[in-house]
Amino acid sequence: ADVEVLNAATYNVLNALGGGESGGILNNPYYWWEIMSDNCYGSGGLQDNKVKSMHYLVQMSTDQYESPYSLLYGGIQHANNMIETIDNVDWTDKTDTRNQLLGEAYFMRGLYTLWLTQLYGDVILMTSTKTTPDQEVQVSAEDVIYPQILSDFVSGKNLMGTVKGRGDGHANKFAAEAFAARAYMFWAGFYKH
């Protein structure tokens, strides 16, 4: 039961990013990318300074982009906690459930790290709940972080099945494969060319 709660906490970050909590839609990475692109003119009126600043790629306030940064690292922390503690539960006769949950944790860590690098570039790579001074340093997204993201997606793909995730909001093997492809294309296209 505790593992399911931790799994739900890992996914709950998506609710906050999707506008379900304070900050609303302005926490959503997809909204950011749409506003910052040339697909639309991003503002709702004269007083919509936050969205206008995103559209023009400027900063309106010092903490304007802090909320998604904190939310994504919170999600990574939940995923790391699950990866590290999942075997504290007796999984006798339930290895498929264990593997699905562990695969989801790897997938979510990869997803949140992918979004962090796409939004902020070189960031701190967190692969453990325990932080050391060495981990609190920004590392190269191209050389260090993207290989870790791809490793997380592949681990998720290898652990998860194909049944869960069909309409229930959970990741499955197919989602991991799709995001591995997306991460690889971004890595190979953005950094390599």
C-alpha atoms as a PDB file:
ATOM      1  CA  ALA A   1       0.000   0.000   0.000  1.00  0.00           C
ATOM      2  CA  ASP A   2       2.838   2.416   0.803  1.00  0.00           C
ATOM      3  CA  VAL A   3       4.411   1.701  -2.568  1.00  0.00           C
ATOM      4  CA  GLU A   4       1.150   2.598  -4.316  1.00  0.00           C
ATOM      5  CA  VAL A   5       0.998   5.874  -2.350  1.00  0.00           C
ATOM      6  CA  LEU A   6       4.567   6.696  -3.363  1.00  0.00           C
ATOM      7  CA  ASN A   7       3.700   5.868  -6.963  1.00  0.00           C
ATOM      8  CA  ALA A   8       0.694   8.202  -6.773  1.00  0.00           C
ATOM      9  CA  ALA A   9       2.894  10.944  -5.299  1.00  0.00           C
ATOM     10  CA  THR A  10       5.290  10.568  -8.225  1.00  0.00           C
ATOM     11  CA  TYR A  11       2.432  11.001 -10.693  1.00  0.00           C
ATOM     12  CA  ASN A  12       0.825  13.831  -8.705  1.00  0.00           C
ATOM     13  CA  VAL A  13       3.514  16.198  -9.937  1.00  0.00           C
ATOM     14  CA  LEU A  14       1.802  15.964 -13.330  1.00  0.00           C
ATOM     15  CA  ASN A  15      -1.362  17.418 -11.761  1.00  0.00           C
ATOM     16  CA  ALA A  16       0.549  20.427 -10.500  1.00  0.00           C
ATOM     17  CA  LEU A  17       2.307  20.875 -13.840  1.00  0.00           C
ATOM     18  CA  GLY A  18      -0.988  20.581 -15.679  1.00  0.00           C
ATOM     19  CA  GLY A  19      -2.525  23.491 -13.819  1.00  0.00           C
ATOM     20  CA  GLY A  20      -4.304  21.551 -11.091  1.00  0.00           C
ATOM     21  CA  GLU A  21      -2.597  23.420  -8.264  1.00  0.00           C
ATOM     22  CA  SER A  22      -1.333  26.941  -7.611  1.00  0.00           C
ATOM     23  CA  GLY A  23       0.303  28.512 -10.618  1.00  0.00           C
ATOM     24  CA  GLY A  24      -2.229  26.976 -12.949  1.00  0.00           C
ATOM     25  CA  ILE A  25      -1.399  26.444 -16.581  1.00  0.00           C
ATOM     26  CA  LEU A  26       1.736  28.558 -16.251  1.00  0.00           C
ATOM     27  CA  ASN A  27       3.484  25.535 -14.696  1.00  0.00           C
ATOM     28  CA  ASN A  28       2.837  23.367 -17.752  1.00  0.00           C
ATOM     29  CA  PRO A  29       5.930  22.763 -19.910  1.00  0.00           C
ATOM     30  CA  TYR A  30       3.815  22.159 -23.014  1.00  0.00           C
ATOM     31  CA  TYR A  31       2.113  25.515 -22.492  1.00  0.00           C
ATOM     32  CA  TRP A  32       5.518  27.163 -22.171  1.00  0.00           C
ATOM     33  CA  TRP A  33       6.744  25.602 -25.393  1.00  0.00           C
ATOM     34  CA  GLU A  34       3.601  26.668 -27.229  1.00  0.00           C
ATOM     35  CA  ILE A  35       3.836  30.265 -25.975  1.00  0.00           C
ATOM     36  CA  MET A  36       7.561  30.476 -26.737  1.00  0.00           C
ATOM     37  CA  SER A  37       7.119  29.090 -30.243  1.00  0.00           C
ATOM     38  CA  ASP A  38       5.950  30.947 -33.304  1.00  0.00           C
ATOM     39  CA  ASN A  39       2.695  28.985 -33.319  1.00  0.00           C
ATOM     40  CA  CYS A  40       0.726  31.638 -31.484  1.00  0.00           C
ATOM     41  CA  TYR A  41       0.850  35.109 -30.039  1.00  0.00           C
ATOM     42  CA  GLY A  42       1.128  34.545 -26.339  1.00  0.00           C
ATOM     43  CA  SER A  43      -0.876  36.916 -24.225  1.00  0.00           C
ATOM     44  CA  GLY A  44      -4.338  37.399 -22.909  1.00  0.00           C
ATOM     45  CA  GLY A  45      -4.311  41.163 -22.733  1.00  0.00           C
ATOM     46  CA  LEU A  46      -2.411  44.184 -21.516  1.00  0.00           C
ATOM     47  CA  GLN A  47      -2.095  42.882 -17.947  1.00  0.00           C
ATOM     48  CA  ASP A  48      -0.898  39.427 -18.892  1.00  0.00           C
ATOM     49  CA  ASN A  49       2.754  40.221 -18.226  1.00  0.00           C
ATOM     50  CA  LYS A  50       3.825  36.715 -17.250  1.00  0.00           C
ATOM     51  CA  VAL A  51       2.669  35.123 -20.508  1.00  0.00           C
ATOM     52  CA  LYS A  52       3.961  38.058 -22.566  1.00  0.00           C
ATOM     53  CA  SER A  53       7.364  37.662 -20.960  1.00  0.00           C
ATOM     54  CA  MET A  54       7.378  33.979 -21.944  1.00  0.00           C
ATOM     55  CA  HIS A  55       6.391  34.866 -25.496  1.00  0.00           C
ATOM     56  CA  TYR A  56       9.267  37.330 -25.808  1.00  0.00           C
ATOM     57  CA  LEU A  57      11.673  34.985 -23.972  1.00  0.00           C
ATOM     58  CA  VAL A  58      12.361  37.455 -21.170  1.00  0.00           C
ATOM     59  CA  GLN A  59      12.063  37.196 -17.425  1.00  0.00           C
ATOM     60  CA  MET A  60       9.350  39.191 -15.648  1.00  0.00           C
ATOM     61  CA  SER A  61      10.395  38.350 -12.076  1.00  0.00           C
ATOM     62  CA  THR A  62      13.256  36.511 -10.413  1.00  0.00           C
ATOM     63  CA  ASP A  63      11.086  33.549  -9.446  1.00  0.00           C
ATOM     64  CA  GLN A  64       8.991  33.331 -12.612  1.00  0.00           C
ATOM     65  CA  TYR A  65      10.383  29.956 -13.662  1.00  0.00           C
ATOM     66  CA  GLU A  66      10.988  28.550 -10.173  1.00  0.00           C
ATOM     67  CA  SER A  67       7.767  26.589  -9.639  1.00  0.00           C
ATOM     68  CA  PRO A  68       8.150  24.026 -12.456  1.00  0.00           C
ATOM     69  CA  TYR A  69      11.827  23.621 -11.519  1.00  0.00           C
ATOM     70  CA  SER A  70      10.893  22.733  -7.937  1.00  0.00           C
ATOM     71  CA  LEU A  71       7.972  20.541  -8.986  1.00  0.00           C
ATOM     72  CA  LEU A  72      10.091  18.521 -11.406  1.00  0.00           C
ATOM     73  CA  TYR A  73      12.813  17.941  -8.827  1.00  0.00           C
ATOM     74  CA  GLY A  74      10.098  16.908  -6.347  1.00  0.00           C
ATOM     75  CA  GLY A  75       8.898  14.308  -8.832  1.00  0.00           C
ATOM     76  CA  ILE A  76      12.454  13.065  -9.354  1.00  0.00           C
ATOM     77  CA  GLN A  77      12.860  12.774  -5.579  1.00  0.00           C
ATOM     78  CA  HIS A  78       9.682  10.660  -5.344  1.00  0.00           C
ATOM     79  CA  ALA A  79      10.862   8.421  -8.189  1.00  0.00           C
ATOM     80  CA  ASN A  80      14.315   8.008  -6.618  1.00  0.00           C
ATOM     81  CA  ASN A  81      12.702   7.129  -3.301  1.00  0.00           C
ATOM     82  CA  MET A  82      10.623   4.457  -4.970  1.00  0.00           C
ATOM     83  CA  ILE A  83      13.598   3.024  -6.870  1.00  0.00           C
ATOM     84  CA  GLU A  84      15.642   2.811  -3.673  1.00  0.00           C
ATOM     85  CA  THR A  85      12.956   1.432  -1.350  1.00  0.00           C
ATOM     86  CA  ILE A  86      10.785  -0.804  -3.531  1.00  0.00           C
ATOM     87  CA  ASP A  87      12.473  -3.966  -2.292  1.00  0.00           C
ATOM     88  CA  ASN A  88      11.608  -3.139   1.324  1.00  0.00           C
ATOM     89  CA  VAL A  89       8.280  -4.821   0.498  1.00  0.00           C
ATOM     90  CA  ASP A  90       7.836  -8.582   0.227  1.00  0.00           C
ATOM     91  CA  TRP A  91       7.045  -9.202  -3.440  1.00  0.00           C
ATOM     92  CA  THR A  92       6.644 -12.980  -3.215  1.00  0.00           C
ATOM     93  CA  ASP A  93       4.325 -14.047  -6.047  1.00  0.00           C
ATOM     94  CA  LYS A  94       3.970 -10.397  -7.144  1.00  0.00           C
ATOM     95  CA  THR A  95       7.057  -9.808  -9.271  1.00  0.00           C
ATOM     96  CA  ASP A  96       4.992  -8.451 -12.168  1.00  0.00           C
ATOM     97  CA  THR A  97       3.523  -5.762  -9.903  1.00  0.00           C
ATOM     98  CA  ARG A  98       6.966  -4.937  -8.496  1.00  0.00           C
ATOM     99  CA  ASN A  99       8.467  -4.673 -11.979  1.00  0.00           C
ATOM    100  CA  GLN A 100       5.601  -2.487 -13.218  1.00  0.00           C
ATOM    101  CA  LEU A 101       5.953  -0.085 -10.279  1.00  0.00           C
ATOM    102  CA  LEU A 102       9.740   0.016 -10.553  1.00  0.00           C
ATOM    103  CA  GLY A 103       9.504   0.559 -14.297  1.00  0.00           C
ATOM    104  CA  GLU A 104       7.080   3.428 -13.746  1.00  0.00           C
ATOM    105  CA  ALA A 105       9.518   5.006 -11.275  1.00  0.00           C
ATOM    106  CA  TYR A 106      12.366   4.829 -13.807  1.00  0.00           C
ATOM    107  CA  PHE A 107      10.078   6.191 -16.511  1.00  0.00           C
ATOM    108  CA  MET A 108       8.896   9.119 -14.382  1.00  0.00           C
ATOM    109  CA  ARG A 109      12.453  10.000 -13.333  1.00  0.00           C
ATOM    110  CA  GLY A 110      13.462   9.998 -16.991  1.00  0.00           C
ATOM    111  CA  LEU A 111      10.443  12.086 -17.985  1.00  0.00           C
ATOM    112  CA  TYR A 112      10.948  14.718 -15.304  1.00  0.00           C
ATOM    113  CA  THR A 113      14.668  14.920 -16.048  1.00  0.00           C
ATOM    114  CA  LEU A 114      13.925  15.263 -19.770  1.00  0.00           C
ATOM    115  CA  TRP A 115      11.573  18.166 -19.117  1.00  0.00           C
ATOM    116  CA  LEU A 116      14.112  19.793 -16.785  1.00  0.00           C
ATOM    117  CA  THR A 117      16.805  19.750 -19.451  1.00  0.00           C
ATOM    118  CA  GLN A 118      14.443  20.941 -22.162  1.00  0.00           C
ATOM    119  CA  LEU A 119      13.312  23.846 -19.990  1.00  0.00           C
ATOM    120  CA  TYR A 120      16.538  24.767 -18.190  1.00  0.00           C
ATOM    121  CA  GLY A 121      19.466  23.189 -20.079  1.00  0.00           C
ATOM    122  CA  ASP A 122      22.343  21.970 -17.923  1.00  0.00           C
ATOM    123  CA  VAL A 123      20.892  21.111 -14.515  1.00  0.00           C
ATOM    124  CA  ILE A 124      21.748  19.076 -11.444  1.00  0.00           C
ATOM    125  CA  LEU A 125      21.396  15.343 -12.120  1.00  0.00           C
ATOM    126  CA  MET A 126      19.647  13.599  -9.227  1.00  0.00           C
ATOM    127  CA  THR A 127      19.754   9.809  -9.300  1.00  0.00           C
ATOM    128  CA  SER A 128      19.584   9.224  -5.550  1.00  0.00           C
ATOM    129  CA  THR A 129      17.627  10.494  -2.567  1.00  0.00           C
ATOM    130  CA  LYS A 130      20.896  11.200  -0.790  1.00  0.00           C
ATOM    131  CA  THR A 131      22.689  14.221  -2.167  1.00  0.00           C
ATOM    132  CA  THR A 132      26.401  14.770  -1.973  1.00  0.00           C
ATOM    133  CA  PRO A 133      28.253  18.009  -2.728  1.00  0.00           C
ATOM    134  CA  ASP A 134      29.359  16.455  -6.038  1.00  0.00           C
ATOM    135  CA  GLN A 135      25.727  16.022  -7.094  1.00  0.00           C
ATOM    136  CA  GLU A 136      24.836  19.639  -6.374  1.00  0.00           C
ATOM    137  CA  VAL A 137      26.727  20.829  -9.434  1.00  0.00           C
ATOM    138  CA  GLN A 138      25.203  21.398 -12.836  1.00  0.00           C
ATOM    139  CA  VAL A 139      26.360  18.834 -15.353  1.00  0.00           C
ATOM    140  CA  SER A 140      26.333  18.748 -19.118  1.00  0.00           C
ATOM    141  CA  ALA A 141      22.948  17.778 -20.480  1.00  0.00           C
ATOM    142  CA  GLU A 142      24.572  16.563 -23.676  1.00  0.00           C
ATOM    143  CA  ASP A 143      27.314  14.429 -22.153  1.00  0.00           C
ATOM    144  CA  VAL A 144      25.875  13.258 -18.823  1.00  0.00           C
ATOM    145  CA  ILE A 145      22.143  13.847 -18.430  1.00  0.00           C
ATOM    146  CA  TYR A 146      20.756  12.558 -21.754  1.00  0.00           C
ATOM    147  CA  PRO A 147      22.505   9.191 -21.484  1.00  0.00           C
ATOM    148  CA  GLN A 148      20.929   8.874 -18.003  1.00  0.00           C
ATOM    149  CA  ILE A 149      17.495   9.849 -19.350  1.00  0.00           C
ATOM    150  CA  LEU A 150      17.756   7.228 -22.088  1.00  0.00           C
ATOM    151  CA  SER A 151      18.926   4.651 -19.538  1.00  0.00           C
ATOM    152  CA  ASP A 152      15.894   5.414 -17.341  1.00  0.00           C
ATOM    153  CA  PHE A 153      13.483   5.057 -20.256  1.00  0.00           C
ATOM    154  CA  VAL A 154      15.094   1.770 -21.346  1.00  0.00           C
ATOM    155  CA  SER A 155      14.969   0.457 -17.754  1.00  0.00           C
ATOM    156  CA  GLY A 156      11.301   1.436 -17.589  1.00  0.00           C
ATOM    157  CA  LYS A 157      10.581  -0.236 -20.919  1.00  0.00           C
ATOM    158  CA  ASN A 158      12.293  -3.453 -19.865  1.00  0.00           C
ATOM    159  CA  LEU A 159      10.445  -3.632 -16.540  1.00  0.00           C
ATOM    160  CA  MET A 160       6.926  -2.528 -17.474  1.00  0.00           C
ATOM    161  CA  GLY A 161       4.264  -4.543 -19.202  1.00  0.00           C
ATOM    162  CA  THR A 162       1.826  -3.521 -21.900  1.00  0.00           C
ATOM    163  CA  VAL A 163      -1.471  -3.819 -20.029  1.00  0.00           C
ATOM    164  CA  LYS A 164      -1.331  -1.042 -17.463  1.00  0.00           C
ATOM    165  CA  GLY A 165      -1.445   2.446 -18.876  1.00  0.00           C
ATOM    166  CA  ARG A 166      -4.351   1.969 -21.242  1.00  0.00           C
ATOM    167  CA  GLY A 167      -6.603   4.757 -20.060  1.00  0.00           C
ATOM    168  CA  ASP A 168      -5.683   4.609 -16.389  1.00  0.00           C
ATOM    169  CA  GLY A 169      -3.048   7.347 -16.515  1.00  0.00           C
ATOM    170  CA  HIS A 170      -0.069   5.110 -15.804  1.00  0.00           C
ATOM    171  CA  ALA A 171       2.972   4.609 -17.972  1.00  0.00           C
ATOM    172  CA  ASN A 172       3.589   1.337 -19.743  1.00  0.00           C
ATOM    173  CA  LYS A 173       6.193  -0.170 -22.035  1.00  0.00           C
ATOM    174  CA  PHE A 174       4.878   1.717 -25.066  1.00  0.00           C
ATOM    175  CA  ALA A 175       5.060   5.102 -23.321  1.00  0.00           C
ATOM    176  CA  ALA A 176       8.660   4.386 -22.310  1.00  0.00           C
ATOM    177  CA  GLU A 177       9.566   3.468 -25.887  1.00  0.00           C
ATOM    178  CA  ALA A 178       7.907   6.609 -27.245  1.00  0.00           C
ATOM    179  CA  PHE A 179       9.627   8.943 -24.796  1.00  0.00           C
ATOM    180  CA  ALA A 180      12.975   7.199 -25.320  1.00  0.00           C
ATOM    181  CA  ALA A 181      12.595   7.983 -29.025  1.00  0.00           C
ATOM    182  CA  ARG A 182      11.599  11.572 -28.258  1.00  0.00           C
ATOM    183  CA  ALA A 183      14.550  12.051 -25.899  1.00  0.00           C
ATOM    184  CA  TYR A 184      16.970  10.529 -28.381  1.00  0.00           C
ATOM    185  CA  MET A 185      15.697  12.686 -31.239  1.00  0.00           C
ATOM    186  CA  PHE A 186      15.994  15.837 -29.120  1.00  0.00           C
ATOM    187  CA  TRP A 187      19.468  14.844 -27.923  1.00  0.00           C
ATOM    188  CA  ALA A 188      20.691  13.916 -31.400  1.00  0.00           C
ATOM    189  CA  GLY A 189      19.032  16.881 -33.107  1.00  0.00           C
ATOM    190  CA  PHE A 190      19.539  19.723 -30.643  1.00  0.00           C
ATOM    191  CA  TYR A 191      23.013  18.920 -29.350  1.00  0.00           C
ATOM    192  CA  LYS A 192      24.562  17.084 -32.264  1.00  0.00           C
ATOM    193  CA  HIS A 193      23.621  19.388 -35.161  1.00  0.00           C
END
